[in-house]
Amino acid sequence: MRVLYIGGTGEISCACAARSVEVGHDVAVFNRGRRGADESPLPASVERITGDLADEAAYRALGRRGFDVVCQFLAYDLAAVRRDVEVFAGRCRQYVFISTASAYEKPPRRLVVGEDVPLANPYWAYSRAKAAAEGYLLAQHAAGRVAVTVVRPSHTLRTRLPGGIARGEDWAWRMLNGRAVIVHGDGEGLWTLTHSADFAVPFCALLGNDRALGQAFHITRHMESFTWNAITAAAAAGLGAEPRIVHVPTDTLVRYNADWAGPLLGDKAWSVMFDNSRLMTVAGAFTCRFGLDEMMALAAEHVRRRLATYAPDAALHALLDRIAEEQVALGG
């Protein structure tokens, strides 16, 4: 089976491409070729097609290659998937769109999320754009134009520590320099983290699988979550640091910076746990091999290397310092 990964070197797609080779797929990746092998190692057998999504001629040439499965990791809006239908309709057996579990309704009405939960996120334009793309693609599937499978990752990691209102590198730098790390709420909210190598196993079982066509699945750790306090402590341990945690109410953080409403109110502020039963009926049962401490330790190895060239954003860190100081002054 010939599988094309649009992306193929990202936090999730790199592990999926490697797993594809492991299970016997003939794999090609299309991307700009800017990620080094140390961050995104791919098997030697993978065909690397270097190109830019904005290069119409190069992109449309992919459709003429006749791949059996196309896995789209780099489409973020309706225009991108409309073009994909033009390029790949009638030219592949399966088109896999990578959406997001953040598209599920917020605030959530229940802790355990299944695929029956509506897609409705008023806080984050990113999530709404993914949901709109899903709706268009599944309508195209129903019309018989292209065979579609939708996959919704939640927080999936490989080389990056969890971020949120700042990037994982920002938090790592602060931990290593004794500066406060802000955790939203009281830090006891539940959050699901999945290693990309664990994600890749059921993902690749969906490829070429007729039972996956016309369906949407989230792929996450099954029915297990971690508190943000535990996640922060594990990240610090992976770095060999001691975190100085300051808890700040989510609503307060959004008042400091309205742009934080998306990643917080639109995603990470709510406790969540995912039921992967629908996925398992199609892709088979799976277990996640990587626990919290191991995930953080593996990511921290990459983060430490990148910190050698890290340039702190002075304005961001000044704001984070101010928030922490003001919260501590209130007795938080």
Protein backbone atom coordinates (compact mmCIF):
# COMPACT_ATOMS: atom_id res chain seq x y z
CA MET A 1 0.00 0.00 0.00
CA ARG A 2 1.44 3.37 -1.07
CA VAL A 3 0.92 6.00 1.62
CA LEU A 4 1.61 9.72 1.31
CA TYR A 5 2.12 11.84 4.42
CA ILE A 6 1.61 15.54 3.86
CA GLY A 7 3.88 16.60 6.70
CA GLY A 8 5.67 13.48 7.86
CA THR A 9 8.28 15.09 10.11
CA GLY A 10 6.06 16.76 12.72
CA GLU A 11 5.41 15.91 16.34
CA ILE A 12 2.80 13.30 15.40
CA SER A 13 3.32 12.55 11.71
CA CYS A 14 6.96 11.48 12.02
CA ALA A 15 6.05 8.60 14.33
CA CYS A 16 3.13 7.65 12.07
CA ALA A 17 5.33 7.55 8.95
CA ALA A 18 7.87 5.38 10.77
CA ARG A 19 5.13 3.03 11.95
CA SER A 20 3.78 2.83 8.40
CA VAL A 21 7.14 1.54 7.20
CA GLU A 22 7.23 -0.92 10.11
CA VAL A 23 3.89 -2.46 9.07
CA GLY A 24 4.93 -2.73 5.42
CA HIS A 25 3.66 0.44 3.74
CA ASP A 26 5.50 2.10 0.87
CA VAL A 27 5.81 5.60 2.36
CA ALA A 28 6.44 9.04 0.91
CA VAL A 29 6.46 12.36 2.77
CA PHE A 30 5.83 15.81 1.31
CA ASN A 31 7.19 18.79 3.23
CA ARG A 32 9.71 21.62 3.02
CA GLY A 33 12.57 19.40 4.18
CA ARG A 34 13.64 21.72 6.97
CA ARG A 35 13.63 19.34 9.94
CA GLY A 36 16.84 17.53 10.75
CA ALA A 37 17.16 13.80 11.30
CA ASP A 38 17.96 14.33 14.99
CA GLU A 39 14.48 15.76 15.63
CA SER A 40 12.52 13.86 12.98
CA PRO A 41 14.21 10.56 12.10
CA LEU A 42 12.60 8.64 9.24
CA PRO A 43 13.49 5.19 7.90
CA ALA A 44 15.83 5.21 4.90
CA SER A 45 13.13 3.67 2.70
CA VAL A 46 10.87 6.72 2.99
CA GLU A 47 10.66 8.78 -0.20
CA ARG A 48 11.18 12.45 0.63
CA ILE A 49 9.36 14.83 -1.69
CA THR A 50 10.52 18.37 -0.96
CA GLY A 51 8.01 21.07 -1.74
CA ASP A 52 5.88 23.88 -0.40
CA LEU A 53 2.13 23.79 0.11
CA ALA A 54 1.95 27.13 -1.66
CA ASP A 55 3.55 25.71 -4.83
CA GLU A 56 0.42 24.79 -6.77
CA ALA A 57 2.21 22.87 -9.52
CA ALA A 58 4.23 20.75 -7.09
CA TYR A 59 1.22 20.10 -4.90
CA ARG A 60 -1.12 19.11 -7.71
CA ALA A 61 1.55 16.75 -9.03
CA LEU A 62 1.05 14.68 -5.88
CA GLY A 63 -2.45 13.77 -7.02
CA ARG A 64 -1.09 12.27 -10.23
CA ARG A 65 1.17 9.92 -8.26
CA GLY A 66 -1.73 7.58 -7.49
CA PHE A 67 -1.15 7.02 -3.77
CA ASP A 68 -3.51 4.56 -2.12
CA VAL A 69 -3.78 6.62 1.08
CA VAL A 70 -3.16 10.32 1.63
CA CYS A 71 -2.65 11.49 5.24
CA GLN A 72 -3.15 15.24 5.56
CA PHE A 73 -1.39 16.65 8.63
CA LEU A 74 -0.98 20.25 7.40
CA ALA A 75 -4.49 21.45 6.52
CA TYR A 76 -5.95 23.99 8.94
CA ASP A 77 -8.87 25.55 7.09
CA LEU A 78 -11.66 24.93 4.63
CA ALA A 79 -9.71 26.28 1.66
CA ALA A 80 -6.95 23.70 2.18
CA VAL A 81 -9.29 20.70 2.21
CA ARG A 82 -11.29 22.03 -0.73
CA ARG A 83 -8.06 22.01 -2.72
CA ASP A 84 -7.27 18.52 -1.48
CA VAL A 85 -10.59 17.23 -2.79
CA GLU A 86 -9.74 18.76 -6.17
CA VAL A 87 -6.27 17.20 -6.13
CA PHE A 88 -6.97 13.75 -4.69
CA ALA A 89 -10.64 12.92 -5.42
CA GLY A 90 -10.77 9.80 -7.57
CA ARG A 91 -7.00 9.38 -7.21
CA CYS A 92 -6.70 7.69 -3.82
CA ARG A 93 -8.58 4.98 -1.95
CA GLN A 94 -8.58 6.88 1.34
CA TYR A 95 -7.99 10.47 2.43
CA VAL A 96 -7.18 10.86 6.13
CA PHE A 97 -7.72 14.31 7.62
CA ILE A 98 -6.00 15.19 10.88
CA SER A 99 -8.44 17.29 12.87
CA THR A 100 -8.35 18.03 16.61
CA ALA A 101 -10.08 16.82 19.74
CA SER A 102 -10.23 20.46 20.86
CA ALA A 103 -13.15 20.82 18.43
CA TYR A 104 -15.45 19.03 20.89
CA GLU A 105 -17.93 21.26 22.69
CA LYS A 106 -16.61 23.66 25.31
CA PRO A 107 -17.40 23.86 28.13
CA PRO A 108 -17.71 20.05 28.15
CA ARG A 109 -20.87 18.58 29.60
CA ARG A 110 -19.18 15.42 30.79
CA LEU A 111 -15.73 14.22 31.80
CA VAL A 112 -15.54 11.23 29.44
CA VAL A 113 -15.55 12.21 25.78
CA GLY A 114 -16.75 9.97 22.96
CA GLU A 115 -17.09 10.78 19.27
CA ASP A 116 -20.80 11.46 19.80
CA VAL A 117 -19.96 14.74 21.57
CA PRO A 118 -20.89 17.69 19.31
CA LEU A 119 -18.22 19.87 17.72
CA ALA A 120 -18.77 23.34 19.19
CA ASN A 121 -15.90 25.45 20.49
CA PRO A 122 -16.77 29.15 20.86
CA TYR A 123 -13.35 30.02 22.30
CA TRP A 124 -10.88 28.93 19.62
CA ALA A 125 -11.00 29.77 15.91
CA TYR A 126 -8.45 27.01 15.23
CA SER A 127 -10.87 24.36 16.50
CA ARG A 128 -13.82 25.80 14.60
CA ALA A 129 -11.82 25.82 11.37
CA LYS A 130 -10.93 22.15 11.83
CA ALA A 131 -14.58 21.31 12.55
CA ALA A 132 -15.68 23.13 9.39
CA ALA A 133 -13.11 21.20 7.37
CA GLU A 134 -14.39 17.94 8.85
CA GLY A 135 -17.96 18.78 7.91
CA TYR A 136 -17.02 19.59 4.34
CA LEU A 137 -14.95 16.44 3.90
CA LEU A 138 -17.57 14.10 5.34
CA ALA A 139 -20.15 15.70 3.03
CA GLN A 140 -17.81 15.00 0.11
CA HIS A 141 -17.51 11.42 1.31
CA ALA A 142 -21.31 11.07 1.47
CA ALA A 143 -21.52 12.44 -2.07
CA GLY A 144 -19.10 9.76 -3.28
CA ARG A 145 -16.33 12.15 -4.32
CA VAL A 146 -13.57 11.02 -1.96
CA ALA A 147 -13.29 8.33 0.72
CA VAL A 148 -12.60 10.15 3.99
CA THR A 149 -11.45 9.19 7.47
CA VAL A 150 -11.19 11.89 10.16
CA VAL A 151 -8.73 11.54 13.03
CA ARG A 152 -8.84 13.82 16.09
CA PRO A 153 -5.65 13.84 18.16
CA SER A 154 -5.70 15.43 21.58
CA HIS A 155 -2.42 16.50 23.21
CA THR A 156 0.19 14.29 21.53
CA LEU A 157 3.92 14.76 22.04
CA ARG A 158 7.30 13.40 21.06
CA THR A 159 10.03 16.06 21.24
CA ARG A 160 8.14 18.90 22.94
CA LEU A 161 7.08 19.49 26.52
CA PRO A 162 3.47 20.58 27.13
CA GLY A 163 2.88 24.26 26.52
CA GLY A 164 -0.32 26.27 26.73
CA ILE A 165 -0.01 30.00 27.30
CA ALA A 166 3.69 29.60 26.53
CA ARG A 167 5.69 26.99 24.65
CA GLY A 168 7.31 24.03 26.31
CA GLU A 169 10.73 25.61 25.69
CA ASP A 170 9.61 28.73 27.53
CA TRP A 171 8.56 26.74 30.58
CA ALA A 172 11.75 24.66 30.44
CA TRP A 173 13.92 27.79 30.37
CA ARG A 174 12.00 29.23 33.30
CA MET A 175 12.31 26.04 35.33
CA LEU A 176 16.04 25.82 34.70
CA ASN A 177 16.46 29.47 35.68
CA GLY A 178 14.41 29.33 38.86
CA ARG A 179 11.56 31.44 37.53
CA ALA A 180 7.92 30.80 38.31
CA VAL A 181 5.90 28.40 36.17
CA ILE A 182 2.25 29.34 35.85
CA VAL A 183 -0.30 26.53 36.07
CA HIS A 184 -3.92 27.41 35.35
CA GLY A 185 -6.49 26.83 38.06
CA ASP A 186 -5.41 24.81 41.06
CA GLY A 187 -3.46 22.39 38.89
CA GLU A 188 -5.72 19.47 39.76
CA GLY A 189 -7.61 19.51 36.48
CA LEU A 190 -7.23 16.30 34.47
CA TRP A 191 -5.52 16.28 31.09
CA THR A 192 -4.77 13.50 28.60
CA LEU A 193 -1.28 13.19 27.11
CA THR A 194 -0.34 10.60 24.49
CA HIS A 195 3.09 9.81 23.06
CA SER A 196 3.16 9.94 19.28
CA ALA A 197 4.60 6.40 19.06
CA ASP A 198 1.53 5.14 20.94
CA PHE A 199 -0.77 7.23 18.73
CA ALA A 200 0.85 5.79 15.59
CA VAL A 201 -0.15 2.19 16.27
CA PRO A 202 -3.95 2.56 15.97
CA PHE A 203 -3.53 5.35 13.41
CA CYS A 204 -1.76 3.04 10.97
CA ALA A 205 -4.36 0.34 11.60
CA LEU A 206 -6.94 2.73 10.10
CA LEU A 207 -5.02 3.10 6.84
CA GLY A 208 -6.50 1.03 4.03
CA ASN A 209 -9.20 -0.11 6.45
CA ASP A 210 -12.61 0.02 4.77
CA ARG A 211 -14.35 0.07 8.17
CA ALA A 212 -12.72 3.44 8.86
CA LEU A 213 -14.22 5.16 5.82
CA GLY A 214 -16.77 7.88 6.45
CA GLN A 215 -16.01 7.92 10.17
CA ALA A 216 -14.31 10.17 12.70
CA PHE A 217 -12.13 8.84 15.52
CA HIS A 218 -10.15 10.44 18.27
CA ILE A 219 -6.85 8.74 19.07
CA THR A 220 -5.59 9.28 22.61
CA ARG A 221 -4.60 7.47 25.74
CA HIS A 222 -7.68 5.44 26.67
CA MET A 223 -9.56 6.48 29.82
CA GLU A 224 -6.51 7.86 31.63
CA SER A 225 -5.54 11.44 32.46
CA PHE A 226 -2.99 13.29 34.59
CA THR A 227 -3.28 16.42 36.72
CA TRP A 228 -1.50 19.54 35.51
CA ASN A 229 0.48 19.58 38.75
CA ALA A 230 1.74 16.06 37.99
CA ILE A 231 2.50 16.98 34.37
CA THR A 232 4.51 20.03 35.46
CA ALA A 233 6.40 18.05 38.09
CA ALA A 234 7.23 15.30 35.59
CA ALA A 235 8.46 17.83 33.01
CA ALA A 236 10.69 19.43 35.64
CA ALA A 237 12.05 16.05 36.71
CA GLY A 238 12.88 15.24 33.09
CA LEU A 239 14.89 18.44 32.93
CA GLY A 240 16.53 17.88 36.30
CA ALA A 241 14.86 21.01 37.69
CA GLU A 242 12.64 21.92 40.60
CA PRO A 243 9.50 23.76 39.47
CA ARG A 244 8.30 26.87 41.28
CA ILE A 245 4.61 26.56 40.51
CA VAL A 246 2.23 29.49 40.82
CA HIS A 247 -1.45 28.70 40.37
CA VAL A 248 -3.55 31.35 38.62
CA PRO A 249 -7.29 31.14 37.85
CA THR A 250 -7.97 30.61 34.16
CA ASP A 251 -10.29 33.62 33.90
CA THR A 252 -7.58 35.78 35.40
CA LEU A 253 -5.01 34.61 32.85
CA VAL A 254 -7.37 35.44 30.00
CA ARG A 255 -7.76 38.96 31.39
CA TYR A 256 -3.99 39.40 31.15
CA ASN A 257 -3.98 38.19 27.53
CA ALA A 258 -7.19 37.58 25.57
CA ASP A 259 -5.29 35.38 23.11
CA TRP A 260 -4.96 32.77 25.85
CA ALA A 261 -8.71 32.09 25.73
CA GLY A 262 -8.21 29.63 22.86
CA PRO A 263 -5.61 27.30 24.38
CA LEU A 264 -7.17 27.57 27.86
CA LEU A 265 -10.97 27.97 27.67
CA GLY A 266 -10.95 26.34 24.24
CA ASP A 267 -8.91 23.36 25.37
CA LYS A 268 -6.69 22.87 28.42
CA ALA A 269 -8.76 24.46 31.19
CA TRP A 270 -11.29 21.62 31.28
CA SER A 271 -10.79 18.17 32.79
CA VAL A 272 -11.13 15.53 30.11
CA MET A 273 -10.75 11.82 29.53
CA PHE A 274 -11.24 10.04 26.21
CA ASP A 275 -13.11 6.82 25.50
CA ASN A 276 -11.43 5.17 22.48
CA SER A 277 -13.95 2.32 22.19
CA ARG A 278 -15.10 3.30 18.69
CA LEU A 279 -11.49 3.34 17.49
CA MET A 280 -10.77 -0.04 19.02
CA THR A 281 -13.69 -1.69 17.25
CA VAL A 282 -12.08 -0.73 13.93
CA ALA A 283 -8.32 -0.55 14.60
CA GLY A 284 -8.12 -3.20 17.32
CA ALA A 285 -7.33 -2.90 21.02
CA PHE A 286 -4.18 -1.00 21.95
CA THR A 287 -2.36 0.11 25.06
CA CYS A 288 -0.06 3.08 25.58
CA ARG A 289 3.47 1.97 26.41
CA PHE A 290 4.74 5.37 27.50
CA GLY A 291 3.83 6.64 30.94
CA LEU A 292 3.94 10.26 32.06
CA ASP A 293 7.48 10.26 33.46
CA GLU A 294 8.93 8.55 30.39
CA MET A 295 7.12 10.87 27.98
CA MET A 296 8.47 13.92 29.79
CA ALA A 297 12.00 12.51 30.06
CA LEU A 298 12.16 11.69 26.34
CA ALA A 299 10.85 15.10 25.32
CA ALA A 300 13.21 16.83 27.75
CA GLU A 301 16.22 15.33 25.95
CA HIS A 302 15.22 17.18 22.78
CA VAL A 303 14.27 20.35 24.63
CA ARG A 304 17.66 20.57 26.34
CA ARG A 305 19.37 20.48 22.93
CA ARG A 306 17.13 23.20 21.52
CA LEU A 307 17.68 25.43 24.55
CA ALA A 308 21.27 25.87 23.38
CA THR A 309 19.91 28.24 20.72
CA TYR A 310 16.85 29.44 22.63
CA ALA A 311 16.25 33.19 22.56
CA PRO A 312 13.92 34.27 25.40
CA ASP A 313 11.02 36.51 24.44
CA ALA A 314 11.62 39.36 26.86
CA ALA A 315 8.06 40.68 26.70
CA LEU A 316 6.51 37.26 27.29
CA HIS A 317 8.74 36.44 30.26
CA ALA A 318 8.21 39.88 31.76
CA LEU A 319 4.46 39.31 31.59
CA LEU A 320 4.74 35.83 33.11
CA ASP A 321 6.91 37.23 35.91
CA ARG A 322 4.38 40.00 36.57
CA ILE A 323 1.45 37.60 36.67
CA ALA A 324 3.29 35.32 39.10
CA GLU A 325 4.33 38.20 41.34
CA GLU A 326 0.84 39.68 41.45
CA GLN A 327 -0.73 36.29 42.19
CA VAL A 328 1.75 35.58 44.97
CA ALA A 329 1.08 39.02 46.43
CA LEU A 330 -2.58 38.02 46.72
CA GLY A 331 -1.56 34.94 48.67
CA GLY A 332 -2.09 32.53 45.68
